[in-house]
Amino acid sequence: MSRRIGTVPSVSPLQAGRSAAAFSAAARVGGAVLALGYLTGLVNGPLVAVVGGLALTTFGRSLMMDRAGQALAVAGLAVIAGALGIAALRWGTLELAELRSVQAVLGPTIVVGPQAAAAAATIATFVASLALGLWVAALPTHGFAEWAATSLETLMVALALVTAFWGPKVLLGSAGVPSSDVLGSLGSWAAVAAVVTVVGIGGGHLARALPQPVRTGLMVVALVGLGVAAGLIGSTL
């Protein structure tokens, strides 16, 4: 009596690589669509939803990294998310609309007193920008398409930081608002976001030239700085 022995079809490394790349691209696009929908004001919602989009994008990016890069990317996301949390604690809200509105009236989070709160926001902005550069550096980029995707993702993180710490009210998607007012509301917001994006991409370029232990040390500095900022904002609550 013969017995058939089942065999598992083998998957070539090339096929596995293509599958991982496709899954990575899907996660990155999904995260970007989710985060940008909230950041542009097209969808009202909490800051947590933006962090979820950043997390999905980071997950997609991490599929194309080695383990050291994955650890650095996750740590960078943690610092960025923690910095956004400090802005939420400063104003006592997670709602993006409220964050924008209060800054439209009182001014950017990084300059509004008391002094300890402004210092916490400034430190959080600095360490988040440092973490952004390391987050960019964690994924090796080759070719125009990959650089374009990385630039868009860097802009997405920059918009999140600018919304939390600079944040004039964005009128995009608001009913009955003249186009001139919409453009005016986006002007300085977009300009500051562009600066942060350049800092993130430039920092990523510089970080790629550094040895892995130095990158890790810089991420530790960012985490310590985030702890200092959290302590300062906690003292104001």
C-alpha atoms as a PDB file:
ATOM      1  CA  MET A   1       0.000   0.000   0.000  1.00  0.00           C
ATOM      2  CA  SER A   2       1.597   3.215  -1.089  1.00  0.00           C
ATOM      3  CA  ARG A   3       1.511   6.430   0.892  1.00  0.00           C
ATOM      4  CA  ARG A   4       1.659   9.871  -0.546  1.00  0.00           C
ATOM      5  CA  ILE A   5       3.913  12.234   1.268  1.00  0.00           C
ATOM      6  CA  GLY A   6       2.722  15.822   1.108  1.00  0.00           C
ATOM      7  CA  THR A   7       5.288  18.426   0.303  1.00  0.00           C
ATOM      8  CA  VAL A   8       5.190  22.124   1.015  1.00  0.00           C
ATOM      9  CA  PRO A   9       5.829  24.160  -2.108  1.00  0.00           C
ATOM     10  CA  SER A  10       9.107  25.969  -1.788  1.00  0.00           C
ATOM     11  CA  VAL A  11       9.216  29.740  -2.043  1.00  0.00           C
ATOM     12  CA  SER A  12      12.231  31.264  -3.675  1.00  0.00           C
ATOM     13  CA  PRO A  13      14.058  34.110  -1.931  1.00  0.00           C
ATOM     14  CA  LEU A  14      13.059  36.342  -4.851  1.00  0.00           C
ATOM     15  CA  GLN A  15       9.356  35.582  -4.365  1.00  0.00           C
ATOM     16  CA  ALA A  16       9.634  36.101  -0.609  1.00  0.00           C
ATOM     17  CA  GLY A  17      11.391  39.404  -1.173  1.00  0.00           C
ATOM     18  CA  ARG A  18       8.700  40.584  -3.570  1.00  0.00           C
ATOM     19  CA  SER A  19       5.951  39.602  -1.136  1.00  0.00           C
ATOM     20  CA  ALA A  20       7.638  41.482   1.698  1.00  0.00           C
ATOM     21  CA  ALA A  21       8.131  44.528  -0.521  1.00  0.00           C
ATOM     22  CA  ALA A  22       4.470  44.508  -1.567  1.00  0.00           C
ATOM     23  CA  PHE A  23       3.265  44.138   2.018  1.00  0.00           C
ATOM     24  CA  SER A  24       5.674  46.876   3.122  1.00  0.00           C
ATOM     25  CA  ALA A  25       4.398  49.254   0.429  1.00  0.00           C
ATOM     26  CA  ALA A  26       0.766  48.571   1.354  1.00  0.00           C
ATOM     27  CA  ALA A  27       1.398  49.270   5.033  1.00  0.00           C
ATOM     28  CA  ARG A  28       3.323  52.451   4.274  1.00  0.00           C
ATOM     29  CA  VAL A  29       0.639  53.792   1.938  1.00  0.00           C
ATOM     30  CA  GLY A  30      -2.126  52.894   4.383  1.00  0.00           C
ATOM     31  CA  GLY A  31      -0.352  54.632   7.236  1.00  0.00           C
ATOM     32  CA  ALA A  32       0.274  57.743   5.154  1.00  0.00           C
ATOM     33  CA  VAL A  33      -3.352  57.982   4.000  1.00  0.00           C
ATOM     34  CA  LEU A  34      -4.602  57.554   7.574  1.00  0.00           C
ATOM     35  CA  ALA A  35      -2.249  60.115   9.109  1.00  0.00           C
ATOM     36  CA  LEU A  36      -2.509  62.718   6.351  1.00  0.00           C
ATOM     37  CA  GLY A  37      -6.287  62.581   6.375  1.00  0.00           C
ATOM     38  CA  TYR A  38      -6.275  63.839   9.967  1.00  0.00           C
ATOM     39  CA  LEU A  39      -3.268  66.152   9.675  1.00  0.00           C
ATOM     40  CA  THR A  40      -4.652  68.096   6.720  1.00  0.00           C
ATOM     41  CA  GLY A  41      -7.952  68.677   8.506  1.00  0.00           C
ATOM     42  CA  LEU A  42      -9.968  66.673   5.988  1.00  0.00           C
ATOM     43  CA  VAL A  43     -11.029  64.344   8.817  1.00  0.00           C
ATOM     44  CA  ASN A  44     -11.642  65.376  12.416  1.00  0.00           C
ATOM     45  CA  GLY A  45     -10.235  63.099  15.059  1.00  0.00           C
ATOM     46  CA  PRO A  46      -7.709  62.550  17.844  1.00  0.00           C
ATOM     47  CA  LEU A  47      -3.930  62.783  17.818  1.00  0.00           C
ATOM     48  CA  VAL A  48      -3.871  59.067  18.612  1.00  0.00           C
ATOM     49  CA  ALA A  49      -5.167  58.333  15.100  1.00  0.00           C
ATOM     50  CA  VAL A  50      -2.169  60.156  13.636  1.00  0.00           C
ATOM     51  CA  VAL A  51       0.184  58.131  15.830  1.00  0.00           C
ATOM     52  CA  GLY A  52      -1.567  55.005  14.568  1.00  0.00           C
ATOM     53  CA  GLY A  53      -0.853  56.049  10.993  1.00  0.00           C
ATOM     54  CA  LEU A  54       2.800  56.705  11.855  1.00  0.00           C
ATOM     55  CA  ALA A  55       3.004  53.305  13.541  1.00  0.00           C
ATOM     56  CA  LEU A  56       1.579  51.559  10.466  1.00  0.00           C
ATOM     57  CA  THR A  57       4.056  53.355   8.233  1.00  0.00           C
ATOM     58  CA  THR A  58       6.920  52.471  10.568  1.00  0.00           C
ATOM     59  CA  PHE A  59       5.821  48.828  10.523  1.00  0.00           C
ATOM     60  CA  GLY A  60       5.851  48.849   6.739  1.00  0.00           C
ATOM     61  CA  ARG A  61       9.290  50.435   6.655  1.00  0.00           C
ATOM     62  CA  SER A  62      10.653  47.975   9.211  1.00  0.00           C
ATOM     63  CA  LEU A  63       9.883  45.039   6.900  1.00  0.00           C
ATOM     64  CA  MET A  64      12.677  46.278   4.648  1.00  0.00           C
ATOM     65  CA  MET A  65      15.250  46.781   7.445  1.00  0.00           C
ATOM     66  CA  ASP A  66      17.694  44.639   9.353  1.00  0.00           C
ATOM     67  CA  ARG A  67      17.168  44.133  13.096  1.00  0.00           C
ATOM     68  CA  ALA A  68      19.333  47.082  14.100  1.00  0.00           C
ATOM     69  CA  GLY A  69      17.365  49.345  11.780  1.00  0.00           C
ATOM     70  CA  GLN A  70      14.076  48.016  13.099  1.00  0.00           C
ATOM     71  CA  ALA A  71      15.084  48.762  16.692  1.00  0.00           C
ATOM     72  CA  LEU A  72      16.157  52.271  15.732  1.00  0.00           C
ATOM     73  CA  ALA A  73      12.934  52.917  13.795  1.00  0.00           C
ATOM     74  CA  VAL A  74      10.721  51.725  16.649  1.00  0.00           C
ATOM     75  CA  ALA A  75      12.667  53.820  19.163  1.00  0.00           C
ATOM     76  CA  GLY A  76      12.337  56.832  16.859  1.00  0.00           C
ATOM     77  CA  LEU A  77       8.588  56.322  16.632  1.00  0.00           C
ATOM     78  CA  ALA A  78       8.413  56.077  20.438  1.00  0.00           C
ATOM     79  CA  VAL A  79      10.200  59.418  20.843  1.00  0.00           C
ATOM     80  CA  ILE A  80       8.024  61.109  18.220  1.00  0.00           C
ATOM     81  CA  ALA A  81       4.836  59.715  19.759  1.00  0.00           C
ATOM     82  CA  GLY A  82       6.015  60.756  23.235  1.00  0.00           C
ATOM     83  CA  ALA A  83       6.722  64.276  22.009  1.00  0.00           C
ATOM     84  CA  LEU A  84       3.225  64.508  20.540  1.00  0.00           C
ATOM     85  CA  GLY A  85       1.876  63.279  23.866  1.00  0.00           C
ATOM     86  CA  ILE A  86       3.633  66.126  25.656  1.00  0.00           C
ATOM     87  CA  ALA A  87       1.808  68.627  23.446  1.00  0.00           C
ATOM     88  CA  ALA A  88      -1.462  66.874  24.257  1.00  0.00           C
ATOM     89  CA  LEU A  89      -0.697  67.047  27.987  1.00  0.00           C
ATOM     90  CA  ARG A  90       0.199  70.724  27.671  1.00  0.00           C
ATOM     91  CA  TRP A  91      -3.255  71.593  26.363  1.00  0.00           C
ATOM     92  CA  GLY A  92      -5.174  68.802  28.068  1.00  0.00           C
ATOM     93  CA  THR A  93      -6.666  67.376  24.897  1.00  0.00           C
ATOM     94  CA  LEU A  94      -6.017  64.738  22.261  1.00  0.00           C
ATOM     95  CA  GLU A  95      -8.368  66.255  19.689  1.00  0.00           C
ATOM     96  CA  LEU A  96      -6.546  67.760  16.706  1.00  0.00           C
ATOM     97  CA  ALA A  97      -9.201  70.424  16.173  1.00  0.00           C
ATOM     98  CA  GLU A  98      -8.799  71.629  19.754  1.00  0.00           C
ATOM     99  CA  LEU A  99      -4.994  71.617  19.518  1.00  0.00           C
ATOM    100  CA  ARG A 100      -5.188  73.771  16.404  1.00  0.00           C
ATOM    101  CA  SER A 101      -7.815  76.105  17.807  1.00  0.00           C
ATOM    102  CA  VAL A 102      -6.080  76.819  21.096  1.00  0.00           C
ATOM    103  CA  GLN A 103      -2.813  77.587  19.322  1.00  0.00           C
ATOM    104  CA  ALA A 104      -4.639  79.848  16.860  1.00  0.00           C
ATOM    105  CA  VAL A 105      -5.767  81.926  19.843  1.00  0.00           C
ATOM    106  CA  LEU A 106      -2.852  81.686  22.308  1.00  0.00           C
ATOM    107  CA  GLY A 107       0.073  80.991  20.006  1.00  0.00           C
ATOM    108  CA  PRO A 108       2.380  78.051  19.293  1.00  0.00           C
ATOM    109  CA  THR A 109       2.871  75.470  22.024  1.00  0.00           C
ATOM    110  CA  ILE A 110       6.634  76.044  22.060  1.00  0.00           C
ATOM    111  CA  VAL A 111       6.318  79.693  23.128  1.00  0.00           C
ATOM    112  CA  VAL A 112       3.231  79.835  25.341  1.00  0.00           C
ATOM    113  CA  GLY A 113       4.028  79.990  29.072  1.00  0.00           C
ATOM    114  CA  PRO A 114       4.410  79.078  31.826  1.00  0.00           C
ATOM    115  CA  GLN A 115       8.146  78.848  31.307  1.00  0.00           C
ATOM    116  CA  ALA A 116       8.397  75.175  32.274  1.00  0.00           C
ATOM    117  CA  ALA A 117       5.698  74.233  29.759  1.00  0.00           C
ATOM    118  CA  ALA A 118       7.368  76.182  26.958  1.00  0.00           C
ATOM    119  CA  ALA A 119      10.726  74.601  27.831  1.00  0.00           C
ATOM    120  CA  ALA A 120       9.161  71.135  27.795  1.00  0.00           C
ATOM    121  CA  ALA A 121       7.640  71.777  24.373  1.00  0.00           C
ATOM    122  CA  THR A 122      10.937  73.112  23.019  1.00  0.00           C
ATOM    123  CA  ILE A 123      12.889  70.095  24.279  1.00  0.00           C
ATOM    124  CA  ALA A 124      10.234  67.735  22.941  1.00  0.00           C
ATOM    125  CA  THR A 125      10.426  69.378  19.521  1.00  0.00           C
ATOM    126  CA  PHE A 126      14.219  69.082  19.484  1.00  0.00           C
ATOM    127  CA  VAL A 127      14.367  65.409  20.501  1.00  0.00           C
ATOM    128  CA  ALA A 128      11.540  64.524  18.102  1.00  0.00           C
ATOM    129  CA  SER A 129      13.469  66.164  15.247  1.00  0.00           C
ATOM    130  CA  LEU A 130      16.579  64.211  16.253  1.00  0.00           C
ATOM    131  CA  ALA A 131      14.556  60.991  16.375  1.00  0.00           C
ATOM    132  CA  LEU A 132      13.053  61.816  12.970  1.00  0.00           C
ATOM    133  CA  GLY A 133      16.511  61.988  11.397  1.00  0.00           C
ATOM    134  CA  LEU A 134      17.426  58.627  12.930  1.00  0.00           C
ATOM    135  CA  TRP A 135      14.055  57.210  11.845  1.00  0.00           C
ATOM    136  CA  VAL A 136      14.814  58.269   8.263  1.00  0.00           C
ATOM    137  CA  ALA A 137      18.350  56.845   8.452  1.00  0.00           C
ATOM    138  CA  ALA A 138      17.124  53.434   9.612  1.00  0.00           C
ATOM    139  CA  LEU A 139      15.813  52.546   6.140  1.00  0.00           C
ATOM    140  CA  PRO A 140      18.408  52.387   3.349  1.00  0.00           C
ATOM    141  CA  THR A 141      17.031  54.118   0.263  1.00  0.00           C
ATOM    142  CA  HIS A 142      17.921  53.336  -3.347  1.00  0.00           C
ATOM    143  CA  GLY A 143      16.428  55.022  -6.376  1.00  0.00           C
ATOM    144  CA  PHE A 144      14.042  57.898  -6.977  1.00  0.00           C
ATOM    145  CA  ALA A 145      10.861  56.050  -5.970  1.00  0.00           C
ATOM    146  CA  GLU A 146      12.216  55.087  -2.571  1.00  0.00           C
ATOM    147  CA  TRP A 147      13.489  58.601  -1.920  1.00  0.00           C
ATOM    148  CA  ALA A 148      10.128  60.044  -2.944  1.00  0.00           C
ATOM    149  CA  ALA A 149       8.330  57.706  -0.532  1.00  0.00           C
ATOM    150  CA  THR A 150      10.759  58.519   2.281  1.00  0.00           C
ATOM    151  CA  SER A 151      10.359  62.252   1.651  1.00  0.00           C
ATOM    152  CA  LEU A 152       6.565  61.957   1.834  1.00  0.00           C
ATOM    153  CA  GLU A 153       6.788  59.973   5.062  1.00  0.00           C
ATOM    154  CA  THR A 154       9.209  62.503   6.542  1.00  0.00           C
ATOM    155  CA  LEU A 155       6.803  65.287   5.606  1.00  0.00           C
ATOM    156  CA  MET A 156       4.007  63.347   7.297  1.00  0.00           C
ATOM    157  CA  VAL A 157       5.937  63.185  10.586  1.00  0.00           C
ATOM    158  CA  ALA A 158       6.893  66.851  10.201  1.00  0.00           C
ATOM    159  CA  LEU A 159       3.221  67.815   9.777  1.00  0.00           C
ATOM    160  CA  ALA A 160       2.368  65.928  12.963  1.00  0.00           C
ATOM    161  CA  LEU A 161       5.039  67.786  14.933  1.00  0.00           C
ATOM    162  CA  VAL A 162       4.123  71.153  13.436  1.00  0.00           C
ATOM    163  CA  THR A 163       0.438  70.602  14.170  1.00  0.00           C
ATOM    164  CA  ALA A 164       1.215  69.782  17.799  1.00  0.00           C
ATOM    165  CA  PHE A 165       3.837  72.448  18.506  1.00  0.00           C
ATOM    166  CA  TRP A 166       3.229  75.257  15.982  1.00  0.00           C
ATOM    167  CA  GLY A 167      -0.293  74.504  14.868  1.00  0.00           C
ATOM    168  CA  PRO A 168      -2.279  77.439  13.476  1.00  0.00           C
ATOM    169  CA  LYS A 169      -5.827  76.382  12.745  1.00  0.00           C
ATOM    170  CA  VAL A 170      -6.122  74.585   9.416  1.00  0.00           C
ATOM    171  CA  LEU A 171      -9.318  75.389   7.547  1.00  0.00           C
ATOM    172  CA  LEU A 172      -8.952  72.763   4.821  1.00  0.00           C
ATOM    173  CA  GLY A 173     -12.248  70.947   4.437  1.00  0.00           C
ATOM    174  CA  SER A 174     -14.227  73.563   6.387  1.00  0.00           C
ATOM    175  CA  ALA A 175     -17.588  74.433   4.852  1.00  0.00           C
ATOM    176  CA  GLY A 176     -18.297  77.989   3.746  1.00  0.00           C
ATOM    177  CA  VAL A 177     -14.715  79.230   4.168  1.00  0.00           C
ATOM    178  CA  PRO A 178     -13.271  81.370   1.346  1.00  0.00           C
ATOM    179  CA  SER A 179     -10.347  79.876  -0.573  1.00  0.00           C
ATOM    180  CA  SER A 180      -8.136  82.827   0.400  1.00  0.00           C
ATOM    181  CA  ASP A 181      -8.670  82.079   4.080  1.00  0.00           C
ATOM    182  CA  VAL A 182      -7.903  78.409   3.526  1.00  0.00           C
ATOM    183  CA  LEU A 183      -4.640  79.267   1.795  1.00  0.00           C
ATOM    184  CA  GLY A 184      -3.769  81.787   4.498  1.00  0.00           C
ATOM    185  CA  SER A 185      -4.339  79.233   7.235  1.00  0.00           C
ATOM    186  CA  LEU A 186      -2.000  76.795   5.514  1.00  0.00           C
ATOM    187  CA  GLY A 187       0.846  79.201   4.725  1.00  0.00           C
ATOM    188  CA  SER A 188       3.006  79.311   7.852  1.00  0.00           C
ATOM    189  CA  TRP A 189       1.972  75.769   8.801  1.00  0.00           C
ATOM    190  CA  ALA A 190       3.294  74.446   5.487  1.00  0.00           C
ATOM    191  CA  ALA A 191       6.448  76.581   5.638  1.00  0.00           C
ATOM    192  CA  VAL A 192       7.435  75.328   9.081  1.00  0.00           C
ATOM    193  CA  ALA A 193       6.584  71.758   8.043  1.00  0.00           C
ATOM    194  CA  ALA A 194       8.920  72.129   5.055  1.00  0.00           C
ATOM    195  CA  VAL A 195      11.742  73.237   7.364  1.00  0.00           C
ATOM    196  CA  VAL A 196      11.214  70.250   9.669  1.00  0.00           C
ATOM    197  CA  THR A 197      11.100  67.933   6.641  1.00  0.00           C
ATOM    198  CA  VAL A 198      14.433  69.261   5.381  1.00  0.00           C
ATOM    199  CA  VAL A 199      15.901  68.826   8.867  1.00  0.00           C
ATOM    200  CA  GLY A 200      14.628  65.232   8.991  1.00  0.00           C
ATOM    201  CA  ILE A 201      15.944  64.260   5.559  1.00  0.00           C
ATOM    202  CA  GLY A 202      19.231  66.089   6.088  1.00  0.00           C
ATOM    203  CA  GLY A 203      19.624  64.504   9.501  1.00  0.00           C
ATOM    204  CA  GLY A 204      18.921  61.124   7.967  1.00  0.00           C
ATOM    205  CA  HIS A 205      21.690  61.665   5.401  1.00  0.00           C
ATOM    206  CA  LEU A 206      24.151  62.598   8.123  1.00  0.00           C
ATOM    207  CA  ALA A 207      23.103  59.745  10.401  1.00  0.00           C
ATOM    208  CA  ARG A 208      23.688  57.169   7.665  1.00  0.00           C
ATOM    209  CA  ALA A 209      27.367  58.123   7.704  1.00  0.00           C
ATOM    210  CA  LEU A 210      27.622  57.403  11.438  1.00  0.00           C
ATOM    211  CA  PRO A 211      28.505  54.016  12.958  1.00  0.00           C
ATOM    212  CA  GLN A 212      25.605  52.084  14.445  1.00  0.00           C
ATOM    213  CA  PRO A 213      26.789  52.595  18.067  1.00  0.00           C
ATOM    214  CA  VAL A 214      26.786  56.370  17.534  1.00  0.00           C
ATOM    215  CA  ARG A 215      23.243  56.266  16.136  1.00  0.00           C
ATOM    216  CA  THR A 216      22.166  54.226  19.132  1.00  0.00           C
ATOM    217  CA  GLY A 217      23.806  56.724  21.473  1.00  0.00           C
ATOM    218  CA  LEU A 218      21.970  59.605  19.805  1.00  0.00           C
ATOM    219  CA  MET A 219      18.682  57.764  20.190  1.00  0.00           C
ATOM    220  CA  VAL A 220      19.415  57.288  23.889  1.00  0.00           C
ATOM    221  CA  VAL A 221      20.021  61.048  24.134  1.00  0.00           C
ATOM    222  CA  ALA A 222      16.636  61.617  22.476  1.00  0.00           C
ATOM    223  CA  LEU A 223      14.927  59.266  24.931  1.00  0.00           C
ATOM    224  CA  VAL A 224      16.573  60.975  27.910  1.00  0.00           C
ATOM    225  CA  GLY A 225      15.570  64.372  26.540  1.00  0.00           C
ATOM    226  CA  LEU A 226      12.008  63.163  26.158  1.00  0.00           C
ATOM    227  CA  GLY A 227      12.070  62.090  29.820  1.00  0.00           C
ATOM    228  CA  VAL A 228      13.258  65.551  30.843  1.00  0.00           C
ATOM    229  CA  ALA A 229      10.488  67.175  28.800  1.00  0.00           C
ATOM    230  CA  ALA A 230       7.912  64.847  30.370  1.00  0.00           C
ATOM    231  CA  GLY A 231       9.141  65.799  33.829  1.00  0.00           C
ATOM    232  CA  LEU A 232       8.868  69.495  33.039  1.00  0.00           C
ATOM    233  CA  ILE A 233       5.373  69.231  31.629  1.00  0.00           C
ATOM    234  CA  GLY A 234       4.352  67.083  34.584  1.00  0.00           C
ATOM    235  CA  SER A 235       5.413  69.828  36.966  1.00  0.00           C
ATOM    236  CA  THR A 236       2.917  72.208  35.345  1.00  0.00           C
ATOM    237  CA  LEU A 237      -0.112  69.916  35.637  1.00  0.00           C
END
